[in-house]
């Protein structure tokens, strides 16, 4: 509900860019879909640039034209969602998790 209010507020102010920081965090899948559909519609129908931060790669692939992926504050992918290699994205995080587990075990 708060996400939709924030989107409506941005539209009322005739924003040229909407920055949505984790707009679907803590939402159930249906509510997340509604929010992302709304943001996509705003972008496509109203021509407003929408920038979202997401941790859900599947939503980024489904809804975003461009993906910028960060790893330890460095950009390691910046390009089209259609050319995005999910395995390449997942691999660094598996490596980081493995390192953290090994450090805790030591």
PDB file of N, CA and C in Angstrom:
ATOM      1  N   UNK A   1       0.837  -1.190   0.000  1.00  0.00           N
ATOM      2  CA  UNK A   1       0.000   0.000   0.000  1.00  0.00           C
ATOM      3  C   UNK A   1       0.881   1.254   0.000  1.00  0.00           C
ATOM      4  N   UNK A   2       1.916   1.255   0.833  1.00  0.00           N
ATOM      5  CA  UNK A   2       2.809   2.417   0.899  1.00  0.00           C
ATOM      6  C   UNK A   2       3.525   2.643  -0.426  1.00  0.00           C
ATOM      7  N   UNK A   3       3.879   1.547  -1.102  1.00  0.00           N
ATOM      8  CA  UNK A   3       4.559   1.673  -2.383  1.00  0.00           C
ATOM      9  C   UNK A   3       3.661   2.383  -3.391  1.00  0.00           C
ATOM     10  N   UNK A   4       2.392   2.006  -3.418  1.00  0.00           N
ATOM     11  CA  UNK A   4       1.460   2.624  -4.368  1.00  0.00           C
ATOM     12  C   UNK A   4       1.236   4.096  -4.051  1.00  0.00           C
ATOM     13  N   UNK A   5       1.193   4.436  -2.779  1.00  0.00           N
ATOM     14  CA  UNK A   5       1.042   5.840  -2.379  1.00  0.00           C
ATOM     15  C   UNK A   5       2.260   6.639  -2.835  1.00  0.00           C
ATOM     16  N   UNK A   6       3.441   6.084  -2.661  1.00  0.00           N
ATOM     17  CA  UNK A   6       4.668   6.771  -3.082  1.00  0.00           C
ATOM     18  C   UNK A   6       4.689   6.969  -4.594  1.00  0.00           C
ATOM     19  N   UNK A   7       4.243   5.978  -5.344  1.00  0.00           N
ATOM     20  CA  UNK A   7       4.177   6.093  -6.805  1.00  0.00           C
ATOM     21  C   UNK A   7       3.186   7.187  -7.194  1.00  0.00           C
ATOM     22  N   UNK A   8       2.020   7.184  -6.567  1.00  0.00           N
ATOM     23  CA  UNK A   8       1.002   8.202  -6.855  1.00  0.00           C
ATOM     24  C   UNK A   8       1.526   9.601  -6.542  1.00  0.00           C
ATOM     25  N   UNK A   9       2.249   9.736  -5.440  1.00  0.00           N
ATOM     26  CA  UNK A   9       2.816  11.030  -5.054  1.00  0.00           C
ATOM     27  C   UNK A   9       3.802  11.520  -6.121  1.00  0.00           C
ATOM     28  N   UNK A  10       4.637  10.627  -6.624  1.00  0.00           N
ATOM     29  CA  UNK A  10       5.598  11.005  -7.667  1.00  0.00           C
ATOM     30  C   UNK A  10       4.878  11.444  -8.934  1.00  0.00           C
ATOM     31  N   UNK A  11       3.792  10.764  -9.276  1.00  0.00           N
ATOM     32  CA  UNK A  11       3.029  11.132 -10.468  1.00  0.00           C
ATOM     33  C   UNK A  11       2.347  12.484 -10.293  1.00  0.00           C
ATOM     34  N   UNK A  12       1.846  12.741  -9.100  1.00  0.00           N
ATOM     35  CA  UNK A  12       1.182  14.026  -8.826  1.00  0.00           C
ATOM     36  C   UNK A  12       2.170  15.189  -8.966  1.00  0.00           C
ATOM     37  N   UNK A  13       3.424  14.938  -8.638  1.00  0.00           N
ATOM     38  CA  UNK A  13       4.452  15.979  -8.720  1.00  0.00           C
ATOM     39  C   UNK A  13       5.047  16.069 -10.121  1.00  0.00           C
ATOM     40  N   UNK A  14       4.502  15.303 -11.043  1.00  0.00           N
ATOM     41  CA  UNK A  14       4.962  15.264 -12.433  1.00  0.00           C
ATOM     42  C   UNK A  14       6.467  14.996 -12.522  1.00  0.00           C
ATOM     43  N   UNK A  15       6.887  14.003 -11.782  1.00  0.00           N
ATOM     44  CA  UNK A  15       8.302  13.623 -11.774  1.00  0.00           C
ATOM     45  C   UNK A  15       8.728  13.132 -13.153  1.00  0.00           C
ATOM     46  N   UNK A  16       9.957  13.449 -13.521  1.00  0.00           N
ATOM     47  CA  UNK A  16      10.507  12.950 -14.777  1.00  0.00           C
ATOM     48  C   UNK A  16      11.243  11.641 -14.567  1.00  0.00           C
ATOM     49  N   UNK A  17      11.639  11.407 -13.306  1.00  0.00           N
ATOM     50  CA  UNK A  17      12.340  10.180 -12.932  1.00  0.00           C
ATOM     51  C   UNK A  17      11.754   9.693 -11.615  1.00  0.00           C
ATOM     52  N   UNK A  18      11.511   8.396 -11.537  1.00  0.00           N
ATOM     53  CA  UNK A  18      11.078   7.778 -10.283  1.00  0.00           C
ATOM     54  C   UNK A  18      12.201   6.865  -9.816  1.00  0.00           C
ATOM     55  N   UNK A  19      12.692   7.095  -8.608  1.00  0.00           N
ATOM     56  CA  UNK A  19      13.684   6.224  -7.987  1.00  0.00           C
ATOM     57  C   UNK A  19      12.952   5.369  -6.963  1.00  0.00           C
ATOM     58  N   UNK A  20      12.946   4.075  -7.176  1.00  0.00           N
ATOM     59  CA  UNK A  20      12.228   3.160  -6.283  1.00  0.00           C
ATOM     60  C   UNK A  20      13.240   2.229  -5.623  1.00  0.00           C
ATOM     61  N   UNK A  21      13.518   2.477  -4.364  1.00  0.00           N
ATOM     62  CA  UNK A  21      14.484   1.676  -3.612  1.00  0.00           C
ATOM     63  C   UNK A  21      13.766   0.493  -2.984  1.00  0.00           C
ATOM     64  N   UNK A  22      14.042  -0.688  -3.497  1.00  0.00           N
ATOM     65  CA  UNK A  22      13.425  -1.927  -3.003  1.00  0.00           C
ATOM     66  C   UNK A  22      11.892  -1.818  -2.951  1.00  0.00           C
ATOM     67  N   UNK A  23      11.248  -1.496  -4.070  1.00  0.00           N
ATOM     68  CA  UNK A  23       9.797  -1.279  -4.042  1.00  0.00           C
ATOM     69  C   UNK A  23       8.977  -2.528  -3.743  1.00  0.00           C
ATOM     70  N   UNK A  24       9.585  -3.703  -3.864  1.00  0.00           N
ATOM     71  CA  UNK A  24       8.814  -4.930  -3.626  1.00  0.00           C
ATOM     72  C   UNK A  24       9.333  -5.729  -2.435  1.00  0.00           C
ATOM     73  N   UNK A  25      10.232  -5.127  -1.671  1.00  0.00           N
ATOM     74  CA  UNK A  25      10.742  -5.809  -0.476  1.00  0.00           C
ATOM     75  C   UNK A  25       9.589  -6.082   0.481  1.00  0.00           C
ATOM     76  N   UNK A  26       9.557  -7.259   1.020  1.00  0.00           N
ATOM     77  CA  UNK A  26       8.553  -7.684   2.012  1.00  0.00           C
ATOM     78  C   UNK A  26       7.138  -7.783   1.457  1.00  0.00           C
ATOM     79  N   UNK A  27       6.983  -7.795   0.147  1.00  0.00           N
ATOM     80  CA  UNK A  27       5.649  -7.948  -0.437  1.00  0.00           C
ATOM     81  C   UNK A  27       5.421  -9.393  -0.850  1.00  0.00           C
ATOM     82  N   UNK A  28       4.172  -9.814  -0.808  1.00  0.00           N
ATOM     83  CA  UNK A  28       3.829 -11.131  -1.330  1.00  0.00           C
ATOM     84  C   UNK A  28       3.947 -11.073  -2.855  1.00  0.00           C
ATOM     85  N   UNK A  29       4.061 -12.226  -3.522  1.00  0.00           N
ATOM     86  CA  UNK A  29       4.285 -12.238  -4.973  1.00  0.00           C
ATOM     87  C   UNK A  29       3.231 -11.467  -5.778  1.00  0.00           C
ATOM     88  N   UNK A  30       1.977 -11.557  -5.405  1.00  0.00           N
ATOM     89  CA  UNK A  30       0.924 -10.851  -6.146  1.00  0.00           C
ATOM     90  C   UNK A  30       1.076  -9.335  -6.005  1.00  0.00           C
ATOM     91  N   UNK A  31       1.321  -8.863  -4.800  1.00  0.00           N
ATOM     92  CA  UNK A  31       1.514  -7.423  -4.587  1.00  0.00           C
ATOM     93  C   UNK A  31       2.779  -6.939  -5.294  1.00  0.00           C
ATOM     94  N   UNK A  32       3.831  -7.742  -5.270  1.00  0.00           N
ATOM     95  CA  UNK A  32       5.074  -7.386  -5.960  1.00  0.00           C
ATOM     96  C   UNK A  32       4.826  -7.251  -7.456  1.00  0.00           C
ATOM     97  N   UNK A  33       4.061  -8.169  -8.012  1.00  0.00           N
ATOM     98  CA  UNK A  33       3.743  -8.111  -9.445  1.00  0.00           C
ATOM     99  C   UNK A  33       2.962  -6.843  -9.768  1.00  0.00           C
ATOM    100  N   UNK A  34       1.999  -6.499  -8.923  1.00  0.00           N
ATOM    101  CA  UNK A  34       1.186  -5.299  -9.157  1.00  0.00           C
ATOM    102  C   UNK A  34       2.063  -4.045  -9.141  1.00  0.00           C
ATOM    103  N   UNK A  35       2.954  -3.947  -8.165  1.00  0.00           N
ATOM    104  CA  UNK A  35       3.838  -2.779  -8.074  1.00  0.00           C
ATOM    105  C   UNK A  35       4.751  -2.707  -9.292  1.00  0.00           C
ATOM    106  N   UNK A  36       5.356  -3.823  -9.667  1.00  0.00           N
ATOM    107  CA  UNK A  36       6.264  -3.817 -10.819  1.00  0.00           C
ATOM    108  C   UNK A  36       5.512  -3.563 -12.121  1.00  0.00           C
ATOM    109  N   UNK A  37       4.309  -4.116 -12.262  1.00  0.00           N
ATOM    110  CA  UNK A  37       3.484  -3.827 -13.444  1.00  0.00           C
ATOM    111  C   UNK A  37       3.166  -2.338 -13.523  1.00  0.00           C
ATOM    112  N   UNK A  38       2.851  -1.745 -12.384  1.00  0.00           N
ATOM    113  CA  UNK A  38       2.533  -0.314 -12.333  1.00  0.00           C
ATOM    114  C   UNK A  38       3.736   0.524 -12.749  1.00  0.00           C
ATOM    115  N   UNK A  39       4.910   0.195 -12.225  1.00  0.00           N
ATOM    116  CA  UNK A  39       6.119   0.933 -12.592  1.00  0.00           C
ATOM    117  C   UNK A  39       6.436   0.768 -14.076  1.00  0.00           C
ATOM    118  N   UNK A  40       6.264  -0.425 -14.604  1.00  0.00           N
ATOM    119  CA  UNK A  40       6.510  -0.654 -16.036  1.00  0.00           C
ATOM    120  C   UNK A  40       5.529   0.157 -16.880  1.00  0.00           C
ATOM    121  N   UNK A  41       4.250   0.165 -16.477  1.00  0.00           N
ATOM    122  CA  UNK A  41       3.238   0.923 -17.218  1.00  0.00           C
ATOM    123  C   UNK A  41       3.544   2.419 -17.209  1.00  0.00           C
ATOM    124  N   UNK A  42       3.984   2.924 -16.072  1.00  0.00           N
ATOM    125  CA  UNK A  42       4.350   4.341 -15.976  1.00  0.00           C
ATOM    126  C   UNK A  42       5.480   4.647 -16.946  1.00  0.00           C
ATOM    127  N   UNK A  43       6.464   3.777 -16.999  1.00  0.00           N
ATOM    128  CA  UNK A  43       7.592   3.968 -17.900  1.00  0.00           C
ATOM    129  C   UNK A  43       7.144   3.911 -19.356  1.00  0.00           C
ATOM    130  N   UNK A  44       6.400   2.891 -19.714  1.00  0.00           N
ATOM    131  CA  UNK A  44       6.028   2.687 -21.113  1.00  0.00           C
ATOM    132  C   UNK A  44       4.950   3.653 -21.595  1.00  0.00           C
ATOM    133  N   UNK A  45       3.965   3.931 -20.765  1.00  0.00           N
ATOM    134  CA  UNK A  45       2.834   4.750 -21.201  1.00  0.00           C
ATOM    135  C   UNK A  45       3.045   6.246 -20.985  1.00  0.00           C
ATOM    136  N   UNK A  46       3.771   6.603 -19.928  1.00  0.00           N
ATOM    137  CA  UNK A  46       3.952   8.017 -19.603  1.00  0.00           C
ATOM    138  C   UNK A  46       5.343   8.534 -19.951  1.00  0.00           C
ATOM    139  N   UNK A  47       6.241   7.643 -20.338  1.00  0.00           N
ATOM    140  CA  UNK A  47       7.588   8.049 -20.712  1.00  0.00           C
ATOM    141  C   UNK A  47       8.447   8.507 -19.550  1.00  0.00           C
ATOM    142  N   UNK A  48       8.080   8.108 -18.344  1.00  0.00           N
ATOM    143  CA  UNK A  48       8.847   8.487 -17.159  1.00  0.00           C
ATOM    144  C   UNK A  48       9.935   7.441 -16.919  1.00  0.00           C
ATOM    145  N   UNK A  49      11.150   7.909 -16.702  1.00  0.00           N
ATOM    146  CA  UNK A  49      12.247   7.003 -16.385  1.00  0.00           C
ATOM    147  C   UNK A  49      12.031   6.429 -14.992  1.00  0.00           C
ATOM    148  N   UNK A  50      12.166   5.117 -14.872  1.00  0.00           N
ATOM    149  CA  UNK A  50      12.003   4.442 -13.585  1.00  0.00           C
ATOM    150  C   UNK A  50      13.296   3.693 -13.276  1.00  0.00           C
ATOM    151  N   UNK A  51      13.894   4.010 -12.135  1.00  0.00           N
ATOM    152  CA  UNK A  51      15.097   3.328 -11.670  1.00  0.00           C
ATOM    153  C   UNK A  51      14.724   2.593 -10.392  1.00  0.00           C
ATOM    154  N   UNK A  52      14.943   1.283 -10.384  1.00  0.00           N
ATOM    155  CA  UNK A  52      14.616   0.490  -9.197  1.00  0.00           C
ATOM    156  C   UNK A  52      15.861  -0.237  -8.707  1.00  0.00           C
ATOM    157  N   UNK A  53      15.943  -0.407  -7.390  1.00  0.00           N
ATOM    158  CA  UNK A  53      16.955  -1.290  -6.823  1.00  0.00           C
ATOM    159  C   UNK A  53      16.228  -2.549  -6.393  1.00  0.00           C
ATOM    160  N   UNK A  54      16.775  -3.671  -6.795  1.00  0.00           N
ATOM    161  CA  UNK A  54      16.154  -4.964  -6.502  1.00  0.00           C
ATOM    162  C   UNK A  54      17.214  -5.969  -6.087  1.00  0.00           C
ATOM    163  N   UNK A  55      16.820  -6.889  -5.240  1.00  0.00           N
ATOM    164  CA  UNK A  55      17.656  -8.042  -4.934  1.00  0.00           C
ATOM    165  C   UNK A  55      17.107  -9.278  -5.619  1.00  0.00           C
ATOM    166  N   UNK A  56      15.926  -9.178  -6.184  1.00  0.00           N
ATOM    167  CA  UNK A  56      15.287 -10.304  -6.857  1.00  0.00           C
ATOM    168  C   UNK A  56      15.639 -10.263  -8.346  1.00  0.00           C
ATOM    169  N   UNK A  57      16.600 -11.081  -8.734  1.00  0.00           N
ATOM    170  CA  UNK A  57      17.083 -11.089 -10.111  1.00  0.00           C
ATOM    171  C   UNK A  57      15.965 -11.440 -11.082  1.00  0.00           C
ATOM    172  N   UNK A  58      15.073 -12.363 -10.703  1.00  0.00           N
ATOM    173  CA  UNK A  58      14.002 -12.758 -11.615  1.00  0.00           C
ATOM    174  C   UNK A  58      13.098 -11.577 -11.960  1.00  0.00           C
ATOM    175  N   UNK A  59      12.818 -10.703 -11.009  1.00  0.00           N
ATOM    176  CA  UNK A  59      12.010  -9.512 -11.302  1.00  0.00           C
ATOM    177  C   UNK A  59      12.782  -8.547 -12.199  1.00  0.00           C
ATOM    178  N   UNK A  60      14.063  -8.375 -11.946  1.00  0.00           N
ATOM    179  CA  UNK A  60      14.878  -7.496 -12.786  1.00  0.00           C
ATOM    180  C   UNK A  60      14.884  -7.995 -14.225  1.00  0.00           C
ATOM    181  N   UNK A  61      15.039  -9.293 -14.404  1.00  0.00           N
ATOM    182  CA  UNK A  61      15.050  -9.854 -15.755  1.00  0.00           C
ATOM    183  C   UNK A  61      13.697  -9.700 -16.439  1.00  0.00           C
ATOM    184  N   UNK A  62      12.637  -9.823 -15.694  1.00  0.00           N
ATOM    185  CA  UNK A  62      11.288  -9.748 -16.259  1.00  0.00           C
ATOM    186  C   UNK A  62      10.867  -8.311 -16.578  1.00  0.00           C
ATOM    187  N   UNK A  63      11.250  -7.358 -15.741  1.00  0.00           N
ATOM    188  CA  UNK A  63      10.699  -6.012 -15.863  1.00  0.00           C
ATOM    189  C   UNK A  63      11.667  -4.941 -16.364  1.00  0.00           C
ATOM    190  N   UNK A  64      12.939  -5.176 -16.282  1.00  0.00           N
ATOM    191  CA  UNK A  64      13.904  -4.110 -16.574  1.00  0.00           C
ATOM    192  C   UNK A  64      14.543  -4.286 -17.940  1.00  0.00           C
ATOM    193  N   UNK A  65      14.752  -3.167 -18.622  1.00  0.00           N
ATOM    194  CA  UNK A  65      15.448  -3.194 -19.903  1.00  0.00           C
ATOM    195  C   UNK A  65      16.957  -3.242 -19.700  1.00  0.00           C
ATOM    196  N   UNK A  66      17.410  -2.554 -18.679  1.00  0.00           N
ATOM    197  CA  UNK A  66      18.848  -2.469 -18.393  1.00  0.00           C
ATOM    198  C   UNK A  66      19.089  -2.911 -16.957  1.00  0.00           C
ATOM    199  N   UNK A  67      20.158  -3.648 -16.766  1.00  0.00           N
ATOM    200  CA  UNK A  67      20.534  -4.116 -15.433  1.00  0.00           C
ATOM    201  C   UNK A  67      21.951  -3.638 -15.134  1.00  0.00           C
ATOM    202  N   UNK A  68      22.116  -3.088 -13.945  1.00  0.00           N
ATOM    203  CA  UNK A  68      23.440  -2.758 -13.432  1.00  0.00           C
ATOM    204  C   UNK A  68      23.606  -3.596 -12.169  1.00  0.00           C
ATOM    205  N   UNK A  69      24.520  -4.551 -12.217  1.00  0.00           N
ATOM    206  CA  UNK A  69      24.736  -5.453 -11.080  1.00  0.00           C
ATOM    207  C   UNK A  69      26.016  -5.044 -10.359  1.00  0.00           C
ATOM    208  N   UNK A  70      25.915  -4.975  -9.043  1.00  0.00           N
ATOM    209  CA  UNK A  70      27.051  -4.577  -8.215  1.00  0.00           C
ATOM    210  C   UNK A  70      27.555  -5.754  -7.401  1.00  0.00           C
ATOM    211  N   UNK A  71      28.847  -5.759  -7.188  1.00  0.00           N
ATOM    212  CA  UNK A  71      29.466  -6.736  -6.291  1.00  0.00           C
ATOM    213  C   UNK A  71      30.525  -6.002  -5.499  1.00  0.00           C
ATOM    214  N   UNK A  72      30.347  -5.948  -4.208  1.00  0.00           N
ATOM    215  CA  UNK A  72      31.281  -5.247  -3.320  1.00  0.00           C
ATOM    216  C   UNK A  72      31.560  -3.834  -3.839  1.00  0.00           C
ATOM    217  N   UNK A  73      30.520  -3.080  -4.040  1.00  0.00           N
ATOM    218  CA  UNK A  73      30.482  -1.686  -4.504  1.00  0.00           C
ATOM    219  C   UNK A  73      31.073  -1.454  -5.896  1.00  0.00           C
ATOM    220  N   UNK A  74      31.357  -2.489  -6.642  1.00  0.00           N
ATOM    221  CA  UNK A  74      31.869  -2.347  -7.998  1.00  0.00           C
ATOM    222  C   UNK A  74      30.855  -2.890  -8.996  1.00  0.00           C
ATOM    223  N   UNK A  75      30.716  -2.188 -10.109  1.00  0.00           N
ATOM    224  CA  UNK A  75      29.832  -2.647 -11.178  1.00  0.00           C
ATOM    225  C   UNK A  75      30.513  -3.806 -11.887  1.00  0.00           C
ATOM    226  N   UNK A  76      29.836  -4.964 -11.929  1.00  0.00           N
ATOM    227  CA  UNK A  76      30.409  -6.060 -12.705  1.00  0.00           C
ATOM    228  C   UNK A  76      29.515  -6.458 -13.866  1.00  0.00           C
ATOM    229  N   UNK A  77      28.356  -5.806 -14.007  1.00  0.00           N
ATOM    230  CA  UNK A  77      27.545  -5.952 -15.213  1.00  0.00           C
ATOM    231  C   UNK A  77      26.744  -4.681 -15.399  1.00  0.00           C
ATOM    232  N   UNK A  78      26.738  -4.174 -16.613  1.00  0.00           N
ATOM    233  CA  UNK A  78      25.921  -3.022 -16.982  1.00  0.00           C
ATOM    234  C   UNK A  78      25.511  -3.237 -18.424  1.00  0.00           C
ATOM    235  N   UNK A  79      24.254  -3.630 -18.608  1.00  0.00           N
ATOM    236  CA  UNK A  79      23.810  -3.889 -19.965  1.00  0.00           C
ATOM    237  C   UNK A  79      22.366  -4.339 -20.036  1.00  0.00           C
ATOM    238  N   UNK A  80      22.038  -4.871 -21.163  1.00  0.00           N
ATOM    239  CA  UNK A  80      20.678  -5.311 -21.454  1.00  0.00           C
ATOM    240  C   UNK A  80      20.274  -6.498 -20.587  1.00  0.00           C
ATOM    241  N   UNK A  81      19.017  -6.503 -20.181  1.00  0.00           N
ATOM    242  CA  UNK A  81      18.519  -7.655 -19.418  1.00  0.00           C
ATOM    243  C   UNK A  81      18.466  -8.900 -20.295  1.00  0.00           C
ATOM    244  N   UNK A  82      18.317  -8.705 -21.617  1.00  0.00           N
ATOM    245  CA  UNK A  82      18.273  -9.866 -22.507  1.00  0.00           C
ATOM    246  C   UNK A  82      19.638 -10.532 -22.664  1.00  0.00           C
ATOM    247  N   UNK A  83      20.692  -9.776 -22.469  1.00  0.00           N
ATOM    248  CA  UNK A  83      22.039 -10.337 -22.591  1.00  0.00           C
ATOM    249  C   UNK A  83      22.623 -10.743 -21.244  1.00  0.00           C
ATOM    250  N   UNK A  84      21.869 -10.525 -20.198  1.00  0.00           N
ATOM    251  CA  UNK A  84      22.332 -10.825 -18.846  1.00  0.00           C
ATOM    252  C   UNK A  84      22.467 -12.329 -18.654  1.00  0.00           C
ATOM    253  N   UNK A  85      23.597 -12.754 -18.144  1.00  0.00           N
ATOM    254  CA  UNK A  85      23.855 -14.168 -17.887  1.00  0.00           C
ATOM    255  C   UNK A  85      23.636 -14.428 -16.400  1.00  0.00           C
ATOM    256  N   UNK A  86      22.518 -15.062 -16.071  1.00  0.00           N
ATOM    257  CA  UNK A  86      22.157 -15.294 -14.674  1.00  0.00           C
ATOM    258  C   UNK A  86      23.225 -16.112 -13.947  1.00  0.00           C
ATOM    259  N   UNK A  87      23.849 -17.032 -14.626  1.00  0.00           N
ATOM    260  CA  UNK A  87      24.906 -17.848 -14.006  1.00  0.00           C
ATOM    261  C   UNK A  87      26.098 -16.968 -13.630  1.00  0.00           C
ATOM    262  N   UNK A  88      26.434 -16.030 -14.494  1.00  0.00           N
ATOM    263  CA  UNK A  88      27.542 -15.111 -14.217  1.00  0.00           C
ATOM    264  C   UNK A  88      27.226 -14.248 -12.998  1.00  0.00           C
ATOM    265  N   UNK A  89      25.974 -13.849 -12.862  1.00  0.00           N
ATOM    266  CA  UNK A  89      25.564 -13.034 -11.718  1.00  0.00           C
ATOM    267  C   UNK A  89      25.594 -13.850 -10.442  1.00  0.00           C
ATOM    268  N   UNK A  90      25.066 -15.051 -10.495  1.00  0.00           N
ATOM    269  CA  UNK A  90      24.938 -15.890  -9.308  1.00  0.00           C
ATOM    270  C   UNK A  90      26.301 -16.341  -8.792  1.00  0.00           C
ATOM    271  N   UNK A  91      27.222 -16.612  -9.680  1.00  0.00           N
ATOM    272  CA  UNK A  91      28.520 -17.169  -9.300  1.00  0.00           C
ATOM    273  C   UNK A  91      29.276 -16.327  -8.264  1.00  0.00           C
ATOM    274  N   UNK A  92      29.421 -15.011  -8.459  1.00  0.00           N
ATOM    275  CA  UNK A  92      30.169 -14.237  -7.458  1.00  0.00           C
ATOM    276  C   UNK A  92      29.537 -14.295  -6.074  1.00  0.00           C
ATOM    277  N   UNK A  93      28.206 -14.356  -6.006  1.00  0.00           N
ATOM    278  CA  UNK A  93      27.557 -14.395  -4.706  1.00  0.00           C
ATOM    279  C   UNK A  93      27.743 -15.749  -4.042  1.00  0.00           C
ATOM    280  N   UNK A  94      27.746 -16.808  -4.819  1.00  0.00           N
ATOM    281  CA  UNK A  94      28.041 -18.117  -4.244  1.00  0.00           C
ATOM    282  C   UNK A  94      29.464 -18.116  -3.704  1.00  0.00           C
ATOM    283  N   UNK A  95      30.390 -17.519  -4.432  1.00  0.00           N
ATOM    284  CA  UNK A  95      31.786 -17.456  -3.987  1.00  0.00           C
ATOM    285  C   UNK A  95      31.908 -16.654  -2.701  1.00  0.00           C
ATOM    286  N   UNK A  96      31.224 -15.509  -2.627  1.00  0.00           N
ATOM    287  CA  UNK A  96      31.268 -14.681  -1.421  1.00  0.00           C
ATOM    288  C   UNK A  96      30.716 -15.461  -0.239  1.00  0.00           C
ATOM    289  N   UNK A  97      29.586 -16.132  -0.430  1.00  0.00           N
ATOM    290  CA  UNK A  97      28.986 -16.909   0.657  1.00  0.00           C
ATOM    291  C   UNK A  97      29.929 -18.006   1.121  1.00  0.00           C
ATOM    292  N   UNK A  98      30.598 -18.665   0.196  1.00  0.00           N
ATOM    293  CA  UNK A  98      31.527 -19.726   0.545  1.00  0.00           C
ATOM    294  C   UNK A  98      32.682 -19.172   1.376  1.00  0.00           C
ATOM    295  N   UNK A  99      33.197 -18.004   0.993  1.00  0.00           N
ATOM    296  CA  UNK A  99      34.292 -17.379   1.730  1.00  0.00           C
ATOM    297  C   UNK A  99      33.840 -17.035   3.143  1.00  0.00           C
ATOM    298  N   UNK A 100      32.628 -16.454   3.272  1.00  0.00           N
ATOM    299  CA  UNK A 100      32.121 -16.083   4.593  1.00  0.00           C
ATOM    300  C   UNK A 100      31.938 -17.306   5.481  1.00  0.00           C
ATOM    301  N   UNK A 101      31.445 -18.401   4.927  1.00  0.00           N
ATOM    302  CA  UNK A 101      31.250 -19.633   5.701  1.00  0.00           C
ATOM    303  C   UNK A 101      32.593 -20.171   6.156  1.00  0.00           C
ATOM    304  N   UNK A 102      33.593 -20.170   5.257  1.00  0.00           N
ATOM    305  CA  UNK A 102      34.923 -20.662   5.610  1.00  0.00           C
ATOM    306  C   UNK A 102      35.567 -19.801   6.691  1.00  0.00           C
ATOM    307  N   UNK A 103      35.364 -18.468   6.617  1.00  0.00           N
ATOM    308  CA  UNK A 103      35.938 -17.584   7.627  1.00  0.00           C
ATOM    309  C   UNK A 103      35.304 -17.831   8.992  1.00  0.00           C
ATOM    310  N   UNK A 104      34.006 -18.090   9.029  1.00  0.00           N
ATOM    311  CA  UNK A 104      33.316 -18.354  10.291  1.00  0.00           C
ATOM    312  C   UNK A 104      33.752 -19.683  10.886  1.00  0.00           C
ATOM    313  N   UNK A 105      34.057 -20.647  10.034  1.00  0.00           N
ATOM    314  CA  UNK A 105      34.463 -21.971  10.507  1.00  0.00           C
ATOM    315  C   UNK A 105      35.880 -21.938  11.081  1.00  0.00           C
ATOM    316  N   UNK A 106      36.691 -21.001  10.607  1.00  0.00           N
ATOM    317  CA  UNK A 106      38.103 -20.938  11.040  1.00  0.00           C
ATOM    318  C   UNK A 106      38.265 -20.380  12.429  1.00  0.00           C
TER     319      UNK A 106
END
